[in-house]
Amino acid sequence: MKRKTASFTGRRAIFTGSPAIVPGGFNLDVTNQSFAVGTVIPAGSLAIYDEQTRLVQIVRTAEVKEIDSDDSKIVYLKVDEFFEPCFAVGNYVLEAGTGATAIGSVPTISKIERSNGVYKVTLSAAITGLAAGDILEEYVSDKQSTANSKEIGTANAVTIYDVEVGEDETGIDVSADTMQYALLARRVPPIPASQKATDNSNMLKGNIHIKLSQSY
């Protein structure tokens, strides 16, 4: 497998110390998720890794910065100094925490515009009640006979460095154990409540060995 190696921290630390890496190397799953070539998947993104297929899926999220006052289908997403969202045209999106919705009623991203720190998405339909500060999340079809939306899955790992999507294979490493350290949750893409342990929001629901810190 092709692999890309990099520092745990890049230009800004996202862990309080060096986490463990799941050995063996993985590739980004571009069959079950779509990514535009050149897209950068931010370090600290929630990930779902499969040791049998050696593939990784990404739980894509972003904070809503603003809704266009003239057209509520246009949504501006927050761009951090060190990362931006990694959505793709065609993604189904809803406010994080939205229950199962008939897939035909779920808005998709029809256009993405990025320039000078602005990340603007145009949706196929407005999302009722969406507001600044909310988390926009990618959803997928549950592929049932009467299809509804669902989260792509429950994260069991996080990416450890920025990864640029290539034309062919995209190597990606993940951590499934922050050890005695923690992921600095305020420095990475937003983590929905549905992905956090219900009895302790300082851990991932799908892997309590990924600890979260609210420190800056």
C-alpha atoms as a PDB file:
ATOM      1  CA  MET A   1       0.000   0.000   0.000  1.00  0.00           C
ATOM      2  CA  LYS A   2       1.125   3.519  -0.705  1.00  0.00           C
ATOM      3  CA  ARG A   3       1.632   5.521   2.439  1.00  0.00           C
ATOM      4  CA  LYS A   4       2.308   9.126   3.303  1.00  0.00           C
ATOM      5  CA  THR A   5       4.145   9.931   6.500  1.00  0.00           C
ATOM      6  CA  ALA A   6       4.201  13.178   8.356  1.00  0.00           C
ATOM      7  CA  SER A   7       4.579  14.700  11.779  1.00  0.00           C
ATOM      8  CA  PHE A   8       1.879  14.098  14.395  1.00  0.00           C
ATOM      9  CA  THR A   9       1.491  17.813  14.869  1.00  0.00           C
ATOM     10  CA  GLY A  10       2.091  19.594  11.563  1.00  0.00           C
ATOM     11  CA  ARG A  11       2.114  23.332  12.120  1.00  0.00           C
ATOM     12  CA  ARG A  12      -0.021  23.104  15.237  1.00  0.00           C
ATOM     13  CA  ALA A  13      -0.314  20.301  17.762  1.00  0.00           C
ATOM     14  CA  ILE A  14      -3.670  18.494  17.721  1.00  0.00           C
ATOM     15  CA  PHE A  15      -2.698  15.936  20.372  1.00  0.00           C
ATOM     16  CA  THR A  16      -1.323  16.610  23.840  1.00  0.00           C
ATOM     17  CA  GLY A  17       1.373  14.024  23.072  1.00  0.00           C
ATOM     18  CA  SER A  18       2.243  11.352  20.510  1.00  0.00           C
ATOM     19  CA  PRO A  19      -0.616   8.857  20.056  1.00  0.00           C
ATOM     20  CA  ALA A  20      -0.290   5.243  18.953  1.00  0.00           C
ATOM     21  CA  ILE A  21      -0.626   4.477  15.222  1.00  0.00           C
ATOM     22  CA  VAL A  22      -2.655   1.510  14.009  1.00  0.00           C
ATOM     23  CA  PRO A  23       0.063  -0.557  12.298  1.00  0.00           C
ATOM     24  CA  GLY A  24       0.023  -1.812   8.736  1.00  0.00           C
ATOM     25  CA  GLY A  25      -1.084   1.215   6.779  1.00  0.00           C
ATOM     26  CA  PHE A  26      -4.469   1.924   5.222  1.00  0.00           C
ATOM     27  CA  ASN A  27      -5.943   3.498   2.106  1.00  0.00           C
ATOM     28  CA  LEU A  28      -8.768   6.005   1.904  1.00  0.00           C
ATOM     29  CA  ASP A  29     -12.035   4.309   0.897  1.00  0.00           C
ATOM     30  CA  VAL A  30     -12.970   6.078  -2.331  1.00  0.00           C
ATOM     31  CA  THR A  31     -15.516   3.443  -3.354  1.00  0.00           C
ATOM     32  CA  ASN A  32     -18.003   4.105  -0.583  1.00  0.00           C
ATOM     33  CA  GLN A  33     -17.157   7.808  -0.223  1.00  0.00           C
ATOM     34  CA  SER A  34     -16.433  10.439  -2.839  1.00  0.00           C
ATOM     35  CA  PHE A  35     -13.551  12.906  -2.598  1.00  0.00           C
ATOM     36  CA  ALA A  36     -12.355  15.423  -5.137  1.00  0.00           C
ATOM     37  CA  VAL A  37      -8.704  14.945  -6.069  1.00  0.00           C
ATOM     38  CA  GLY A  38      -6.615  17.514  -4.209  1.00  0.00           C
ATOM     39  CA  THR A  39      -8.984  17.702  -1.233  1.00  0.00           C
ATOM     40  CA  VAL A  40      -7.135  17.817   2.079  1.00  0.00           C
ATOM     41  CA  ILE A  41      -8.563  15.680   4.861  1.00  0.00           C
ATOM     42  CA  PRO A  42      -7.688  17.519   8.071  1.00  0.00           C
ATOM     43  CA  ALA A  43      -5.629  15.974  10.837  1.00  0.00           C
ATOM     44  CA  GLY A  44      -7.856  14.918  13.710  1.00  0.00           C
ATOM     45  CA  SER A  45     -10.805  13.999  11.491  1.00  0.00           C
ATOM     46  CA  LEU A  46     -13.039  11.270  12.841  1.00  0.00           C
ATOM     47  CA  ALA A  47     -12.314   8.033  10.996  1.00  0.00           C
ATOM     48  CA  ILE A  48     -13.628   4.495  10.643  1.00  0.00           C
ATOM     49  CA  TYR A  49     -10.916   1.957   9.891  1.00  0.00           C
ATOM     50  CA  ASP A  50     -11.355  -1.663   8.841  1.00  0.00           C
ATOM     51  CA  GLU A  51      -8.429  -3.955   9.522  1.00  0.00           C
ATOM     52  CA  GLN A  52      -9.689  -6.565   7.046  1.00  0.00           C
ATOM     53  CA  THR A  53     -10.198  -4.318   4.016  1.00  0.00           C
ATOM     54  CA  ARG A  54      -7.407  -1.922   5.114  1.00  0.00           C
ATOM     55  CA  LEU A  55      -9.682   0.964   4.200  1.00  0.00           C
ATOM     56  CA  VAL A  56     -10.602   4.151   6.059  1.00  0.00           C
ATOM     57  CA  GLN A  57     -13.776   6.210   5.829  1.00  0.00           C
ATOM     58  CA  ILE A  58     -14.065   9.760   7.150  1.00  0.00           C
ATOM     59  CA  VAL A  59     -16.898  11.184   9.252  1.00  0.00           C
ATOM     60  CA  ARG A  60     -17.137  14.567   7.529  1.00  0.00           C
ATOM     61  CA  THR A  61     -18.348  17.528   9.568  1.00  0.00           C
ATOM     62  CA  ALA A  62     -18.091  21.306   9.554  1.00  0.00           C
ATOM     63  CA  GLU A  63     -19.381  24.203  11.617  1.00  0.00           C
ATOM     64  CA  VAL A  64     -21.891  26.512   9.966  1.00  0.00           C
ATOM     65  CA  LYS A  65     -20.563  30.048   9.869  1.00  0.00           C
ATOM     66  CA  GLU A  66     -23.431  31.793   8.117  1.00  0.00           C
ATOM     67  CA  ILE A  67     -26.582  31.191   6.073  1.00  0.00           C
ATOM     68  CA  ASP A  68     -27.010  33.466   3.075  1.00  0.00           C
ATOM     69  CA  SER A  69     -29.767  35.960   3.889  1.00  0.00           C
ATOM     70  CA  ASP A  70     -31.126  35.956   0.337  1.00  0.00           C
ATOM     71  CA  ASP A  71     -30.870  32.234  -0.400  1.00  0.00           C
ATOM     72  CA  SER A  72     -30.954  29.752   2.479  1.00  0.00           C
ATOM     73  CA  LYS A  73     -29.608  27.026   0.199  1.00  0.00           C
ATOM     74  CA  ILE A  74     -26.248  28.815   0.328  1.00  0.00           C
ATOM     75  CA  VAL A  75     -24.290  27.975   3.461  1.00  0.00           C
ATOM     76  CA  TYR A  76     -20.894  29.302   4.507  1.00  0.00           C
ATOM     77  CA  LEU A  77     -18.829  26.862   6.556  1.00  0.00           C
ATOM     78  CA  LYS A  78     -16.178  27.764   9.077  1.00  0.00           C
ATOM     79  CA  VAL A  79     -12.588  27.701   7.863  1.00  0.00           C
ATOM     80  CA  ASP A  80      -9.962  27.382  10.564  1.00  0.00           C
ATOM     81  CA  GLU A  81      -6.507  28.890  10.242  1.00  0.00           C
ATOM     82  CA  PHE A  82      -5.132  25.365   9.800  1.00  0.00           C
ATOM     83  CA  PHE A  83      -7.881  23.425   8.009  1.00  0.00           C
ATOM     84  CA  GLU A  84     -11.089  23.617   6.025  1.00  0.00           C
ATOM     85  CA  PRO A  85     -13.993  21.184   5.442  1.00  0.00           C
ATOM     86  CA  CYS A  86     -13.519  18.261   3.052  1.00  0.00           C
ATOM     87  CA  PHE A  87     -16.993  17.740   1.614  1.00  0.00           C
ATOM     88  CA  ALA A  88     -17.595  16.731  -2.006  1.00  0.00           C
ATOM     89  CA  VAL A  89     -20.287  17.628  -4.501  1.00  0.00           C
ATOM     90  CA  GLY A  90     -23.094  15.077  -4.223  1.00  0.00           C
ATOM     91  CA  ASN A  91     -22.726  14.451  -0.478  1.00  0.00           C
ATOM     92  CA  TYR A  92     -25.959  14.131   1.473  1.00  0.00           C
ATOM     93  CA  VAL A  93     -25.843  16.578   4.385  1.00  0.00           C
ATOM     94  CA  LEU A  94     -27.976  17.357   7.413  1.00  0.00           C
ATOM     95  CA  GLU A  95     -27.567  19.070  10.749  1.00  0.00           C
ATOM     96  CA  ALA A  96     -25.716  16.657  13.017  1.00  0.00           C
ATOM     97  CA  GLY A  97     -28.129  14.785  15.247  1.00  0.00           C
ATOM     98  CA  THR A  98     -30.975  14.723  12.728  1.00  0.00           C
ATOM     99  CA  GLY A  99     -32.958  11.501  12.886  1.00  0.00           C
ATOM    100  CA  ALA A 100     -33.591   9.155   9.999  1.00  0.00           C
ATOM    101  CA  THR A 101     -35.007  11.087   7.043  1.00  0.00           C
ATOM    102  CA  ALA A 102     -36.358   9.778   3.752  1.00  0.00           C
ATOM    103  CA  ILE A 103     -33.284   9.870   1.543  1.00  0.00           C
ATOM    104  CA  GLY A 104     -35.165  11.637  -1.233  1.00  0.00           C
ATOM    105  CA  SER A 105     -35.740  14.556   1.125  1.00  0.00           C
ATOM    106  CA  VAL A 106     -32.127  14.914   2.248  1.00  0.00           C
ATOM    107  CA  PRO A 107     -30.316  17.874   0.643  1.00  0.00           C
ATOM    108  CA  THR A 108     -27.169  17.226  -1.329  1.00  0.00           C
ATOM    109  CA  ILE A 109     -24.236  19.533  -2.007  1.00  0.00           C
ATOM    110  CA  SER A 110     -24.607  20.770  -5.564  1.00  0.00           C
ATOM    111  CA  LYS A 111     -21.701  23.209  -5.600  1.00  0.00           C
ATOM    112  CA  ILE A 112     -18.602  24.022  -3.531  1.00  0.00           C
ATOM    113  CA  GLU A 113     -16.692  27.294  -3.842  1.00  0.00           C
ATOM    114  CA  ARG A 114     -13.418  27.866  -2.007  1.00  0.00           C
ATOM    115  CA  SER A 115     -11.371  31.058  -2.078  1.00  0.00           C
ATOM    116  CA  ASN A 116      -9.444  33.295   0.304  1.00  0.00           C
ATOM    117  CA  GLY A 117     -10.542  31.514   3.457  1.00  0.00           C
ATOM    118  CA  VAL A 118     -14.182  31.221   2.349  1.00  0.00           C
ATOM    119  CA  TYR A 119     -15.875  27.812   2.007  1.00  0.00           C
ATOM    120  CA  LYS A 120     -19.289  28.196   0.405  1.00  0.00           C
ATOM    121  CA  VAL A 121     -21.626  25.322  -0.364  1.00  0.00           C
ATOM    122  CA  THR A 122     -24.848  25.449  -2.356  1.00  0.00           C
ATOM    123  CA  LEU A 123     -27.399  22.829  -1.347  1.00  0.00           C
ATOM    124  CA  SER A 124     -30.090  21.224  -3.464  1.00  0.00           C
ATOM    125  CA  ALA A 125     -32.588  22.349  -0.817  1.00  0.00           C
ATOM    126  CA  ALA A 126     -32.471  24.442   2.325  1.00  0.00           C
ATOM    127  CA  ILE A 127     -32.129  22.718   5.695  1.00  0.00           C
ATOM    128  CA  THR A 128     -34.937  23.942   7.917  1.00  0.00           C
ATOM    129  CA  GLY A 129     -33.711  25.472  11.156  1.00  0.00           C
ATOM    130  CA  LEU A 130     -30.022  25.335  10.271  1.00  0.00           C
ATOM    131  CA  ALA A 131     -28.185  28.217  11.919  1.00  0.00           C
ATOM    132  CA  ALA A 132     -24.718  29.600  12.567  1.00  0.00           C
ATOM    133  CA  GLY A 133     -22.861  27.434  15.060  1.00  0.00           C
ATOM    134  CA  ASP A 134     -24.631  24.226  14.065  1.00  0.00           C
ATOM    135  CA  ILE A 135     -22.659  21.230  12.801  1.00  0.00           C
ATOM    136  CA  LEU A 136     -23.250  20.128   9.217  1.00  0.00           C
ATOM    137  CA  GLU A 137     -22.544  16.425   8.748  1.00  0.00           C
ATOM    138  CA  GLU A 138     -22.393  14.030   5.829  1.00  0.00           C
ATOM    139  CA  TYR A 139     -25.127  11.388   5.866  1.00  0.00           C
ATOM    140  CA  VAL A 140     -25.575   8.309   3.684  1.00  0.00           C
ATOM    141  CA  SER A 141     -28.418   6.037   2.630  1.00  0.00           C
ATOM    142  CA  ASP A 142     -29.217   3.032   4.787  1.00  0.00           C
ATOM    143  CA  LYS A 143     -29.939   1.208   1.477  1.00  0.00           C
ATOM    144  CA  GLN A 144     -33.169  -0.288   2.736  1.00  0.00           C
ATOM    145  CA  SER A 145     -36.165  -0.770   0.429  1.00  0.00           C
ATOM    146  CA  THR A 146     -37.562   2.471   1.814  1.00  0.00           C
ATOM    147  CA  ALA A 147     -34.246   4.274   2.145  1.00  0.00           C
ATOM    148  CA  ASN A 148     -33.555   6.677   4.981  1.00  0.00           C
ATOM    149  CA  SER A 149     -30.516   8.689   5.978  1.00  0.00           C
ATOM    150  CA  LYS A 150     -28.003   7.594   8.578  1.00  0.00           C
ATOM    151  CA  GLU A 151     -24.559   8.585   9.797  1.00  0.00           C
ATOM    152  CA  ILE A 152     -21.799   6.984   7.780  1.00  0.00           C
ATOM    153  CA  GLY A 153     -20.834   5.058  10.903  1.00  0.00           C
ATOM    154  CA  THR A 154     -19.369   5.299  14.375  1.00  0.00           C
ATOM    155  CA  ALA A 155     -15.801   6.563  14.439  1.00  0.00           C
ATOM    156  CA  ASN A 156     -13.256   4.216  15.972  1.00  0.00           C
ATOM    157  CA  ALA A 157     -10.162   6.299  15.212  1.00  0.00           C
ATOM    158  CA  VAL A 158      -8.873   9.699  14.153  1.00  0.00           C
ATOM    159  CA  THR A 159      -6.488  10.766  11.424  1.00  0.00           C
ATOM    160  CA  ILE A 160      -3.110  11.934  12.661  1.00  0.00           C
ATOM    161  CA  TYR A 161      -2.000  14.317   9.915  1.00  0.00           C
ATOM    162  CA  ASP A 162      -3.375  16.200   6.915  1.00  0.00           C
ATOM    163  CA  VAL A 163      -3.871  13.910   3.917  1.00  0.00           C
ATOM    164  CA  GLU A 164      -4.252  15.128   0.345  1.00  0.00           C
ATOM    165  CA  VAL A 165      -6.508  12.966  -1.817  1.00  0.00           C
ATOM    166  CA  GLY A 166      -4.624  11.646  -4.833  1.00  0.00           C
ATOM    167  CA  GLU A 167      -5.727  10.386  -8.214  1.00  0.00           C
ATOM    168  CA  ASP A 168      -5.057   6.753  -7.356  1.00  0.00           C
ATOM    169  CA  GLU A 169      -4.535   5.298  -3.891  1.00  0.00           C
ATOM    170  CA  THR A 170      -4.430   7.679  -0.963  1.00  0.00           C
ATOM    171  CA  GLY A 171      -2.451   6.289   1.950  1.00  0.00           C
ATOM    172  CA  ILE A 172      -3.703   7.275   5.362  1.00  0.00           C
ATOM    173  CA  ASP A 173      -2.668   6.435   8.930  1.00  0.00           C
ATOM    174  CA  VAL A 174      -4.955   6.580  11.942  1.00  0.00           C
ATOM    175  CA  SER A 175      -4.723   6.408  15.704  1.00  0.00           C
ATOM    176  CA  ALA A 176      -7.020   4.175  17.734  1.00  0.00           C
ATOM    177  CA  ASP A 177      -5.369   5.005  21.061  1.00  0.00           C
ATOM    178  CA  THR A 178      -4.265   8.395  22.327  1.00  0.00           C
ATOM    179  CA  MET A 179      -2.625   6.544  25.249  1.00  0.00           C
ATOM    180  CA  GLN A 180      -2.070   8.879  28.198  1.00  0.00           C
ATOM    181  CA  TYR A 181      -2.658  11.830  25.871  1.00  0.00           C
ATOM    182  CA  ALA A 182      -5.765  13.324  24.234  1.00  0.00           C
ATOM    183  CA  LEU A 183      -7.011  14.851  21.012  1.00  0.00           C
ATOM    184  CA  LEU A 184      -7.434  18.626  21.281  1.00  0.00           C
ATOM    185  CA  ALA A 185     -11.047  18.692  20.107  1.00  0.00           C
ATOM    186  CA  ARG A 186     -11.191  22.468  19.609  1.00  0.00           C
ATOM    187  CA  ARG A 187      -8.407  22.269  17.012  1.00  0.00           C
ATOM    188  CA  VAL A 188     -10.003  19.737  14.676  1.00  0.00           C
ATOM    189  CA  PRO A 189     -13.262  19.399  12.705  1.00  0.00           C
ATOM    190  CA  PRO A 190     -16.275  19.458  15.053  1.00  0.00           C
ATOM    191  CA  ILE A 191     -17.224  16.216  16.781  1.00  0.00           C
ATOM    192  CA  PRO A 192     -20.998  15.614  16.931  1.00  0.00           C
ATOM    193  CA  ALA A 193     -22.563  14.559  20.221  1.00  0.00           C
ATOM    194  CA  SER A 194     -23.621  11.305  18.547  1.00  0.00           C
ATOM    195  CA  GLN A 195     -19.945  10.347  18.222  1.00  0.00           C
ATOM    196  CA  LYS A 196     -19.109  10.948  21.881  1.00  0.00           C
ATOM    197  CA  ALA A 197     -19.506   8.497  24.731  1.00  0.00           C
ATOM    198  CA  THR A 198     -22.827   9.162  26.423  1.00  0.00           C
ATOM    199  CA  ASP A 199     -21.418   8.695  29.921  1.00  0.00           C
ATOM    200  CA  ASN A 200     -18.263  10.705  29.224  1.00  0.00           C
ATOM    201  CA  SER A 201     -18.108  13.268  26.428  1.00  0.00           C
ATOM    202  CA  ASN A 202     -14.323  13.293  26.758  1.00  0.00           C
ATOM    203  CA  MET A 203     -14.109   9.986  24.868  1.00  0.00           C
ATOM    204  CA  LEU A 204     -15.333   8.678  21.534  1.00  0.00           C
ATOM    205  CA  LYS A 205     -18.383   6.443  21.695  1.00  0.00           C
ATOM    206  CA  GLY A 206     -16.869   4.012  19.227  1.00  0.00           C
ATOM    207  CA  ASN A 207     -13.492   3.843  20.962  1.00  0.00           C
ATOM    208  CA  ILE A 208     -12.980   4.984  24.532  1.00  0.00           C
ATOM    209  CA  HIS A 209      -9.229   4.851  23.976  1.00  0.00           C
ATOM    210  CA  ILE A 210      -9.571   8.065  21.944  1.00  0.00           C
ATOM    211  CA  LYS A 211      -9.682  10.681  24.662  1.00  0.00           C
ATOM    212  CA  LEU A 212     -10.782  14.261  23.996  1.00  0.00           C
ATOM    213  CA  SER A 213      -9.523  17.453  25.580  1.00  0.00           C
ATOM    214  CA  GLN A 214     -11.316  20.783  25.504  1.00  0.00           C
ATOM    215  CA  SER A 215      -8.102  22.684  26.149  1.00  0.00           C
ATOM    216  CA  TYR A 216      -6.954  25.179  23.543  1.00  0.00           C
END
